[in-house]
PDB file of N, CA and C in Angstrom:
ATOM      1  N   MET A   1     -39.121  -4.023  13.172  1.00  0.00           N
ATOM      2  CA  MET A   1     -40.111  -4.428  12.197  1.00  0.00           C
ATOM      3  C   MET A   1     -39.459  -5.435  11.254  1.00  0.00           C
ATOM      4  N   SER A   2     -40.173  -6.507  10.960  1.00  0.00           N
ATOM      5  CA  SER A   2     -39.615  -7.544  10.102  1.00  0.00           C
ATOM      6  C   SER A   2     -39.776  -7.160   8.632  1.00  0.00           C
ATOM      7  N   PHE A   3     -39.032  -7.863   7.822  1.00  0.00           N
ATOM      8  CA  PHE A   3     -39.084  -7.635   6.369  1.00  0.00           C
ATOM      9  C   PHE A   3     -40.504  -7.872   5.862  1.00  0.00           C
ATOM     10  N   ALA A   4     -41.135  -8.942   6.309  1.00  0.00           N
ATOM     11  CA  ALA A   4     -42.496  -9.265   5.880  1.00  0.00           C
ATOM     12  C   ALA A   4     -43.477  -8.172   6.288  1.00  0.00           C
ATOM     13  N   GLU A   5     -43.312  -7.622   7.514  1.00  0.00           N
ATOM     14  CA  GLU A   5     -44.190  -6.542   7.969  1.00  0.00           C
ATOM     15  C   GLU A   5     -43.991  -5.284   7.136  1.00  0.00           C
ATOM     16  N   THR A   6     -42.763  -4.978   6.780  1.00  0.00           N
ATOM     17  CA  THR A   6     -42.473  -3.806   5.955  1.00  0.00           C
ATOM     18  C   THR A   6     -43.129  -3.948   4.585  1.00  0.00           C
ATOM     19  N   LEU A   7     -43.019  -5.128   4.010  1.00  0.00           N
ATOM     20  CA  LEU A   7     -43.661  -5.364   2.719  1.00  0.00           C
ATOM     21  C   LEU A   7     -45.172  -5.180   2.829  1.00  0.00           C
ATOM     22  N   ALA A   8     -45.763  -5.740   3.864  1.00  0.00           N
ATOM     23  CA  ALA A   8     -47.208  -5.649   4.056  1.00  0.00           C
ATOM     24  C   ALA A   8     -47.653  -4.198   4.216  1.00  0.00           C
ATOM     25  N   LEU A   9     -46.919  -3.415   4.998  1.00  0.00           N
ATOM     26  CA  LEU A   9     -47.260  -2.006   5.194  1.00  0.00           C
ATOM     27  C   LEU A   9     -47.177  -1.206   3.899  1.00  0.00           C
ATOM     28  N   GLU A  10     -46.269  -1.597   3.014  1.00  0.00           N
ATOM     29  CA  GLU A  10     -46.097  -0.903   1.735  1.00  0.00           C
ATOM     30  C   GLU A  10     -47.026  -1.452   0.650  1.00  0.00           C
ATOM     31  N   GLY A  11     -47.783  -2.474   0.989  1.00  0.00           N
ATOM     32  CA  GLY A  11     -48.702  -3.059   0.026  1.00  0.00           C
ATOM     33  C   GLY A  11     -48.006  -3.874  -1.049  1.00  0.00           C
ATOM     34  N   ILE A  12     -46.845  -4.433  -0.705  1.00  0.00           N
ATOM     35  CA  ILE A  12     -46.064  -5.225  -1.650  1.00  0.00           C
ATOM     36  C   ILE A  12     -46.286  -6.699  -1.359  1.00  0.00           C
ATOM     37  N   ALA A  13     -46.613  -7.446  -2.399  1.00  0.00           N
ATOM     38  CA  ALA A  13     -46.788  -8.885  -2.241  1.00  0.00           C
ATOM     39  C   ALA A  13     -45.429  -9.560  -2.326  1.00  0.00           C
ATOM     40  N   ALA A  14     -45.100 -10.308  -1.315  1.00  0.00           N
ATOM     41  CA  ALA A  14     -43.813 -11.000  -1.305  1.00  0.00           C
ATOM     42  C   ALA A  14     -43.893 -12.287  -2.103  1.00  0.00           C
ATOM     43  N   SER A  15     -42.783 -12.644  -2.704  1.00  0.00           N
ATOM     44  CA  SER A  15     -42.742 -13.932  -3.382  1.00  0.00           C
ATOM     45  C   SER A  15     -42.678 -15.034  -2.328  1.00  0.00           C
ATOM     46  N   ILE A  16     -42.933 -16.254  -2.753  1.00  0.00           N
ATOM     47  CA  ILE A  16     -42.932 -17.367  -1.813  1.00  0.00           C
ATOM     48  C   ILE A  16     -41.516 -17.620  -1.329  1.00  0.00           C
ATOM     49  N   GLY A  17     -41.354 -17.731  -0.060  1.00  0.00           N
ATOM     50  CA  GLY A  17     -40.042 -17.982   0.522  1.00  0.00           C
ATOM     51  C   GLY A  17     -40.197 -18.699   1.835  1.00  0.00           C
ATOM     52  N   SER A  18     -39.094 -19.117   2.380  1.00  0.00           N
ATOM     53  CA  SER A  18     -39.153 -19.804   3.668  1.00  0.00           C
ATOM     54  C   SER A  18     -38.881 -18.805   4.789  1.00  0.00           C
ATOM     55  N   ILE A  19     -39.136 -19.228   5.993  1.00  0.00           N
ATOM     56  CA  ILE A  19     -38.944 -18.355   7.158  1.00  0.00           C
ATOM     57  C   ILE A  19     -37.478 -17.956   7.264  1.00  0.00           C
ATOM     58  N   GLY A  20     -37.257 -16.662   7.413  1.00  0.00           N
ATOM     59  CA  GLY A  20     -35.906 -16.170   7.623  1.00  0.00           C
ATOM     60  C   GLY A  20     -35.169 -15.764   6.362  1.00  0.00           C
ATOM     61  N   ASP A  21     -35.716 -16.033   5.174  1.00  0.00           N
ATOM     62  CA  ASP A  21     -34.989 -15.597   3.982  1.00  0.00           C
ATOM     63  C   ASP A  21     -35.423 -14.183   3.576  1.00  0.00           C
ATOM     64  N   ALA A  22     -34.726 -13.605   2.665  1.00  0.00           N
ATOM     65  CA  ALA A  22     -35.016 -12.241   2.234  1.00  0.00           C
ATOM     66  C   ALA A  22     -35.861 -12.221   0.962  1.00  0.00           C
ATOM     67  N   TYR A  23     -36.512 -13.306   0.656  1.00  0.00           N
ATOM     68  CA  TYR A  23     -37.324 -13.439  -0.545  1.00  0.00           C
ATOM     69  C   TYR A  23     -36.422 -13.359  -1.789  1.00  0.00           C
ATOM     70  N   ASP A  24     -36.960 -13.840  -2.884  1.00  0.00           N
ATOM     71  CA  ASP A  24     -36.162 -13.816  -4.113  1.00  0.00           C
ATOM     72  C   ASP A  24     -36.596 -12.647  -4.994  1.00  0.00           C
ATOM     73  N   ASN A  25     -36.191 -12.657  -6.215  1.00  0.00           N
ATOM     74  CA  ASN A  25     -36.473 -11.543  -7.112  1.00  0.00           C
ATOM     75  C   ASN A  25     -37.725 -11.758  -7.957  1.00  0.00           C
ATOM     76  N   ALA A  26     -38.652 -12.568  -7.485  1.00  0.00           N
ATOM     77  CA  ALA A  26     -39.843 -12.867  -8.270  1.00  0.00           C
ATOM     78  C   ALA A  26     -40.655 -11.618  -8.584  1.00  0.00           C
ATOM     79  N   LEU A  27     -40.598 -10.624  -7.727  1.00  0.00           N
ATOM     80  CA  LEU A  27     -41.351  -9.400  -7.989  1.00  0.00           C
ATOM     81  C   LEU A  27     -40.825  -8.665  -9.222  1.00  0.00           C
ATOM     82  N   ALA A  28     -39.583  -8.906  -9.583  1.00  0.00           N
ATOM     83  CA  ALA A  28     -39.003  -8.239 -10.738  1.00  0.00           C
ATOM     84  C   ALA A  28     -39.356  -8.942 -12.046  1.00  0.00           C
ATOM     85  N   ILE A  29     -39.980 -10.105 -11.978  1.00  0.00           N
ATOM     86  CA  ILE A  29     -40.260 -10.895 -13.190  1.00  0.00           C
ATOM     87  C   ILE A  29     -41.132 -10.115 -14.164  1.00  0.00           C
ATOM     88  N   ASP A  30     -42.147  -9.402 -13.676  1.00  0.00           N
ATOM     89  CA  ASP A  30     -43.035  -8.653 -14.561  1.00  0.00           C
ATOM     90  C   ASP A  30     -42.238  -7.665 -15.413  1.00  0.00           C
ATOM     91  N   GLY A  31     -41.309  -6.941 -14.785  1.00  0.00           N
ATOM     92  CA  GLY A  31     -40.477  -5.999 -15.527  1.00  0.00           C
ATOM     93  C   GLY A  31     -39.571  -6.690 -16.524  1.00  0.00           C
ATOM     94  N   VAL A  32     -39.030  -7.818 -16.127  1.00  0.00           N
ATOM     95  CA  VAL A  32     -38.153  -8.588 -17.015  1.00  0.00           C
ATOM     96  C   VAL A  32     -38.940  -9.099 -18.214  1.00  0.00           C
ATOM     97  N   GLU A  33     -40.176  -9.525 -17.993  1.00  0.00           N
ATOM     98  CA  GLU A  33     -41.000 -10.007 -19.100  1.00  0.00           C
ATOM     99  C   GLU A  33     -41.241  -8.912 -20.134  1.00  0.00           C
ATOM    100  N   TRP A  34     -41.518  -7.677 -19.685  1.00  0.00           N
ATOM    101  CA  TRP A  34     -41.738  -6.579 -20.619  1.00  0.00           C
ATOM    102  C   TRP A  34     -40.469  -6.237 -21.396  1.00  0.00           C
ATOM    103  N   VAL A  35     -39.352  -6.221 -20.695  1.00  0.00           N
ATOM    104  CA  VAL A  35     -38.083  -5.914 -21.369  1.00  0.00           C
ATOM    105  C   VAL A  35     -37.748  -7.009 -22.380  1.00  0.00           C
ATOM    106  N   THR A  36     -37.971  -8.254 -21.995  1.00  0.00           N
ATOM    107  CA  THR A  36     -37.703  -9.370 -22.909  1.00  0.00           C
ATOM    108  C   THR A  36     -38.619  -9.306 -24.125  1.00  0.00           C
ATOM    109  N   ALA A  37     -39.892  -9.021 -23.916  1.00  0.00           N
ATOM    110  CA  ALA A  37     -40.829  -8.908 -25.036  1.00  0.00           C
ATOM    111  C   ALA A  37     -40.410  -7.782 -25.978  1.00  0.00           C
ATOM    112  N   GLY A  38     -39.931  -6.682 -25.430  1.00  0.00           N
ATOM    113  CA  GLY A  38     -39.447  -5.578 -26.261  1.00  0.00           C
ATOM    114  C   GLY A  38     -38.246  -5.982 -27.091  1.00  0.00           C
ATOM    115  N   TRP A  39     -37.329  -6.736 -26.487  1.00  0.00           N
ATOM    116  CA  TRP A  39     -36.143  -7.189 -27.218  1.00  0.00           C
ATOM    117  C   TRP A  39     -36.533  -8.151 -28.324  1.00  0.00           C
ATOM    118  N   VAL A  40     -37.433  -9.085 -28.033  1.00  0.00           N
ATOM    119  CA  VAL A  40     -37.868 -10.050 -29.043  1.00  0.00           C
ATOM    120  C   VAL A  40     -38.548  -9.316 -30.205  1.00  0.00           C
ATOM    121  N   ASP A  41     -39.366  -8.311 -29.905  1.00  0.00           N
ATOM    122  CA  ASP A  41     -40.003  -7.519 -30.957  1.00  0.00           C
ATOM    123  C   ASP A  41     -38.951  -6.834 -31.821  1.00  0.00           C
ATOM    124  N   TRP A  42     -37.964  -6.206 -31.201  1.00  0.00           N
ATOM    125  CA  TRP A  42     -36.890  -5.556 -31.960  1.00  0.00           C
ATOM    126  C   TRP A  42     -36.149  -6.581 -32.818  1.00  0.00           C
ATOM    127  N   TYR A  43     -35.788  -7.716 -32.239  1.00  0.00           N
ATOM    128  CA  TYR A  43     -34.994  -8.722 -32.940  1.00  0.00           C
ATOM    129  C   TYR A  43     -35.747  -9.291 -34.142  1.00  0.00           C
ATOM    130  N   ASN A  44     -37.030  -9.563 -33.982  1.00  0.00           N
ATOM    131  CA  ASN A  44     -37.811 -10.181 -35.046  1.00  0.00           C
ATOM    132  C   ASN A  44     -38.384  -9.191 -36.048  1.00  0.00           C
ATOM    133  N   ALA A  45     -38.536  -7.931 -35.670  1.00  0.00           N
ATOM    134  CA  ALA A  45     -39.257  -6.998 -36.530  1.00  0.00           C
ATOM    135  C   ALA A  45     -38.446  -5.804 -37.011  1.00  0.00           C
ATOM    136  N   ARG A  46     -37.549  -5.272 -36.192  1.00  0.00           N
ATOM    137  CA  ARG A  46     -36.956  -3.981 -36.546  1.00  0.00           C
ATOM    138  C   ARG A  46     -35.447  -3.971 -36.738  1.00  0.00           C
ATOM    139  N   ARG A  47     -34.736  -4.985 -36.281  1.00  0.00           N
ATOM    140  CA  ARG A  47     -33.277  -4.960 -36.410  1.00  0.00           C
ATOM    141  C   ARG A  47     -32.869  -5.064 -37.868  1.00  0.00           C
ATOM    142  N   LEU A  48     -31.718  -4.539 -38.206  1.00  0.00           N
ATOM    143  CA  LEU A  48     -31.202  -4.661 -39.558  1.00  0.00           C
ATOM    144  C   LEU A  48     -30.513  -6.008 -39.678  1.00  0.00           C
ATOM    145  N   HIS A  49     -30.995  -6.832 -40.576  1.00  0.00           N
ATOM    146  CA  HIS A  49     -30.527  -8.207 -40.716  1.00  0.00           C
ATOM    147  C   HIS A  49     -29.570  -8.284 -41.898  1.00  0.00           C
ATOM    148  N   SER A  50     -28.307  -8.580 -41.637  1.00  0.00           N
ATOM    149  CA  SER A  50     -27.288  -8.553 -42.684  1.00  0.00           C
ATOM    150  C   SER A  50     -27.505  -9.608 -43.763  1.00  0.00           C
ATOM    151  N   THR A  51     -28.086 -10.729 -43.431  1.00  0.00           N
ATOM    152  CA  THR A  51     -28.288 -11.800 -44.405  1.00  0.00           C
ATOM    153  C   THR A  51     -29.319 -11.419 -45.470  1.00  0.00           C
ATOM    154  N   ILE A  52     -30.222 -10.518 -45.145  1.00  0.00           N
ATOM    155  CA  ILE A  52     -31.285 -10.140 -46.083  1.00  0.00           C
ATOM    156  C   ILE A  52     -31.130  -8.699 -46.567  1.00  0.00           C
ATOM    157  N   GLY A  53     -29.900  -8.233 -46.652  1.00  0.00           N
ATOM    158  CA  GLY A  53     -29.642  -6.921 -47.230  1.00  0.00           C
ATOM    159  C   GLY A  53     -29.748  -5.755 -46.272  1.00  0.00           C
ATOM    160  N   ASN A  54     -29.515  -5.989 -44.997  1.00  0.00           N
ATOM    161  CA  ASN A  54     -29.571  -4.949 -43.974  1.00  0.00           C
ATOM    162  C   ASN A  54     -30.902  -4.213 -43.936  1.00  0.00           C
ATOM    163  N   VAL A  55     -31.977  -4.964 -44.033  1.00  0.00           N
ATOM    164  CA  VAL A  55     -33.323  -4.432 -43.840  1.00  0.00           C
ATOM    165  C   VAL A  55     -33.964  -5.199 -42.690  1.00  0.00           C
ATOM    166  N   PRO A  56     -34.935  -4.592 -42.021  1.00  0.00           N
ATOM    167  CA  PRO A  56     -35.613  -5.312 -40.936  1.00  0.00           C
ATOM    168  C   PRO A  56     -36.400  -6.500 -41.481  1.00  0.00           C
ATOM    169  N   PRO A  57     -36.495  -7.575 -40.717  1.00  0.00           N
ATOM    170  CA  PRO A  57     -37.229  -8.752 -41.174  1.00  0.00           C
ATOM    171  C   PRO A  57     -38.667  -8.464 -41.593  1.00  0.00           C
ATOM    172  N   ASP A  58     -39.389  -7.610 -40.857  1.00  0.00           N
ATOM    173  CA  ASP A  58     -40.771  -7.293 -41.238  1.00  0.00           C
ATOM    174  C   ASP A  58     -40.832  -6.638 -42.612  1.00  0.00           C
ATOM    175  N   GLU A  59     -39.896  -5.720 -42.877  1.00  0.00           N
ATOM    176  CA  GLU A  59     -39.862  -5.030 -44.165  1.00  0.00           C
ATOM    177  C   GLU A  59     -39.527  -6.023 -45.286  1.00  0.00           C
ATOM    178  N   PHE A  60     -38.559  -6.894 -45.044  1.00  0.00           N
ATOM    179  CA  PHE A  60     -38.188  -7.898 -46.036  1.00  0.00           C
ATOM    180  C   PHE A  60     -39.373  -8.800 -46.351  1.00  0.00           C
ATOM    181  N   GLU A  61     -40.085  -9.217 -45.315  1.00  0.00           N
ATOM    182  CA  GLU A  61     -41.236 -10.093 -45.511  1.00  0.00           C
ATOM    183  C   GLU A  61     -42.330  -9.390 -46.315  1.00  0.00           C
ATOM    184  N   ALA A  62     -42.567  -8.115 -46.038  1.00  0.00           N
ATOM    185  CA  ALA A  62     -43.572  -7.366 -46.787  1.00  0.00           C
ATOM    186  C   ALA A  62     -43.190  -7.275 -48.264  1.00  0.00           C
ATOM    187  N   PHE A  63     -41.914  -6.995 -48.543  1.00  0.00           N
ATOM    188  CA  PHE A  63     -41.455  -6.947 -49.934  1.00  0.00           C
ATOM    189  C   PHE A  63     -41.587  -8.319 -50.592  1.00  0.00           C
ATOM    190  N   TYR A  64     -41.260  -9.360 -49.863  1.00  0.00           N
ATOM    191  CA  TYR A  64     -41.328 -10.718 -50.403  1.00  0.00           C
ATOM    192  C   TYR A  64     -42.743 -11.048 -50.862  1.00  0.00           C
ATOM    193  N   TYR A  65     -43.726 -10.817 -49.985  1.00  0.00           N
ATOM    194  CA  TYR A  65     -45.099 -11.159 -50.340  1.00  0.00           C
ATOM    195  C   TYR A  65     -45.664 -10.222 -51.403  1.00  0.00           C
ATOM    196  N   ALA A  66     -45.268  -8.961 -51.403  1.00  0.00           N
ATOM    197  CA  ALA A  66     -45.706  -8.039 -52.459  1.00  0.00           C
ATOM    198  C   ALA A  66     -45.159  -8.494 -53.806  1.00  0.00           C
ATOM    199  N   ASP A  67     -43.929  -9.003 -53.813  1.00  0.00           N
ATOM    200  CA  ASP A  67     -43.313  -9.469 -55.048  1.00  0.00           C
ATOM    201  C   ASP A  67     -44.023 -10.707 -55.590  1.00  0.00           C
ATOM    202  N   LEU A  68     -44.556 -11.537 -54.707  1.00  0.00           N
ATOM    203  CA  LEU A  68     -45.299 -12.715 -55.161  1.00  0.00           C
ATOM    204  C   LEU A  68     -46.574 -12.323 -55.892  1.00  0.00           C
ATOM    205  N   GLU A  69     -47.135 -11.178 -55.513  1.00  0.00           N
ATOM    206  CA  GLU A  69     -48.381 -10.733 -56.125  1.00  0.00           C
ATOM    207  C   GLU A  69     -48.154  -9.932 -57.401  1.00  0.00           C
ATOM    208  N   THR A  70     -46.904  -9.557 -57.678  1.00  0.00           N
ATOM    209  CA  THR A  70     -46.569  -8.769 -58.857  1.00  0.00           C
ATOM    210  C   THR A  70     -45.837  -9.652 -59.849  1.00  0.00           C
ATOM    211  N   PRO A  71     -46.322  -9.742 -61.099  1.00  0.00           N
ATOM    212  CA  PRO A  71     -45.601 -10.550 -62.084  1.00  0.00           C
ATOM    213  C   PRO A  71     -44.193 -10.006 -62.281  1.00  0.00           C
ATOM    214  N   SER A  72     -43.226 -10.888 -62.373  1.00  0.00           N
ATOM    215  CA  SER A  72     -41.845 -10.438 -62.515  1.00  0.00           C
ATOM    216  C   SER A  72     -41.458 -10.219 -63.970  1.00  0.00           C
ATOM    217  N   HIS A  73     -42.256 -10.743 -64.905  1.00  0.00           N
ATOM    218  CA  HIS A  73     -41.974 -10.585 -66.332  1.00  0.00           C
ATOM    219  C   HIS A  73     -43.184  -9.965 -67.002  1.00  0.00           C
ATOM    220  N   PRO A  74     -42.952  -9.136 -68.011  1.00  0.00           N
ATOM    221  CA  PRO A  74     -44.102  -8.549 -68.708  1.00  0.00           C
ATOM    222  C   PRO A  74     -44.899  -9.649 -69.412  1.00  0.00           C
ATOM    223  N   VAL A  75     -46.158  -9.422 -69.524  1.00  0.00           N
ATOM    224  CA  VAL A  75     -47.021 -10.378 -70.205  1.00  0.00           C
ATOM    225  C   VAL A  75     -46.707 -10.323 -71.690  1.00  0.00           C
ATOM    226  N   MET A  76     -46.509 -11.482 -72.284  1.00  0.00           N
ATOM    227  CA  MET A  76     -46.210 -11.549 -73.715  1.00  0.00           C
ATOM    228  C   MET A  76     -47.469 -11.271 -74.517  1.00  0.00           C
ATOM    229  N   GLU A  77     -47.292 -10.617 -75.624  1.00  0.00           N
ATOM    230  CA  GLU A  77     -48.400 -10.345 -76.545  1.00  0.00           C
ATOM    231  C   GLU A  77     -48.759 -11.641 -77.264  1.00  0.00           C
ATOM    232  N   PRO A  78     -49.867 -11.664 -77.966  1.00  0.00           N
ATOM    233  CA  PRO A  78     -50.228 -12.854 -78.750  1.00  0.00           C
ATOM    234  C   PRO A  78     -49.111 -13.232 -79.716  1.00  0.00           C
ATOM    235  N   ALA A  79     -49.115 -14.478 -80.188  1.00  0.00           N
ATOM    236  CA  ALA A  79     -48.030 -15.034 -81.001  1.00  0.00           C
ATOM    237  C   ALA A  79     -47.670 -14.174 -82.199  1.00  0.00           C
ATOM    238  N   GLN A  80     -48.638 -13.554 -82.843  1.00  0.00           N
ATOM    239  CA  GLN A  80     -48.308 -12.767 -84.018  1.00  0.00           C
ATOM    240  C   GLN A  80     -47.482 -11.534 -83.665  1.00  0.00           C
ATOM    241  N   GLU A  81     -47.477 -11.123 -82.420  1.00  0.00           N
ATOM    242  CA  GLU A  81     -46.713  -9.953 -81.991  1.00  0.00           C
ATOM    243  C   GLU A  81     -45.320 -10.313 -81.477  1.00  0.00           C
ATOM    244  N   ARG A  82     -45.053 -11.583 -81.241  1.00  0.00           N
ATOM    245  CA  ARG A  82     -43.771 -11.998 -80.677  1.00  0.00           C
ATOM    246  C   ARG A  82     -42.678 -11.940 -81.738  1.00  0.00           C
ATOM    247  N   PRO A  83     -41.455 -11.685 -81.315  1.00  0.00           N
ATOM    248  CA  PRO A  83     -40.339 -11.707 -82.272  1.00  0.00           C
ATOM    249  C   PRO A  83     -40.214 -13.085 -82.899  1.00  0.00           C
ATOM    250  N   ARG A  84     -39.801 -13.123 -84.127  1.00  0.00           N
ATOM    251  CA  ARG A  84     -39.662 -14.390 -84.836  1.00  0.00           C
ATOM    252  C   ARG A  84     -38.212 -14.631 -85.178  1.00  0.00           C
ATOM    253  N   THR A  85     -37.859 -15.904 -85.255  1.00  0.00           N
ATOM    254  CA  THR A  85     -36.504 -16.268 -85.644  1.00  0.00           C
ATOM    255  C   THR A  85     -36.369 -16.172 -87.151  1.00  0.00           C
ATOM    256  N   GLY A  86     -35.170 -16.421 -87.682  1.00  0.00           N
ATOM    257  CA  GLY A  86     -34.927 -16.346 -89.114  1.00  0.00           C
ATOM    258  C   GLY A  86     -35.816 -17.276 -89.926  1.00  0.00           C
ATOM    259  N   ASP A  87     -36.234 -18.406 -89.358  1.00  0.00           N
ATOM    260  CA  ASP A  87     -37.080 -19.337 -90.127  1.00  0.00           C
ATOM    261  C   ASP A  87     -38.568 -19.047 -89.938  1.00  0.00           C
ATOM    262  N   GLY A  88     -38.893 -17.952 -89.197  1.00  0.00           N
ATOM    263  CA  GLY A  88     -40.289 -17.545 -89.035  1.00  0.00           C
ATOM    264  C   GLY A  88     -40.970 -18.100 -87.802  1.00  0.00           C
ATOM    265  N   SER A  89     -40.274 -18.968 -87.044  1.00  0.00           N
ATOM    266  CA  SER A  89     -40.898 -19.512 -85.845  1.00  0.00           C
ATOM    267  C   SER A  89     -40.798 -18.511 -84.698  1.00  0.00           C
ATOM    268  N   VAL A  90     -41.684 -18.653 -83.747  1.00  0.00           N
ATOM    269  CA  VAL A  90     -41.701 -17.793 -82.565  1.00  0.00           C
ATOM    270  C   VAL A  90     -40.611 -18.233 -81.614  1.00  0.00           C
ATOM    271  N   TRP A  91     -39.979 -17.326 -80.963  1.00  0.00           N
ATOM    272  CA  TRP A  91     -38.930 -17.666 -80.000  1.00  0.00           C
ATOM    273  C   TRP A  91     -39.438 -18.673 -79.031  1.00  0.00           C
TER     274      TRP A  91
END
């Protein structure tokens, strides 16, 4: 029984090849794509990134945008409530 016949009997689609070769690893590409996508997800979203304080990039990004929405300094009271210098002017 030939390699092509064995594949056909098992319901396996062979990759394109020439007569007499053993086919290439194209059938494994689907698995490689999933593994690669998983690695890219880990690298971009969950790995601890030393440049940004050993937090995952997704977490750092969430903190970054939350900080943009939160004022970093307290709101100053009206001028009469502000501290005054020795000559009476507002800081």
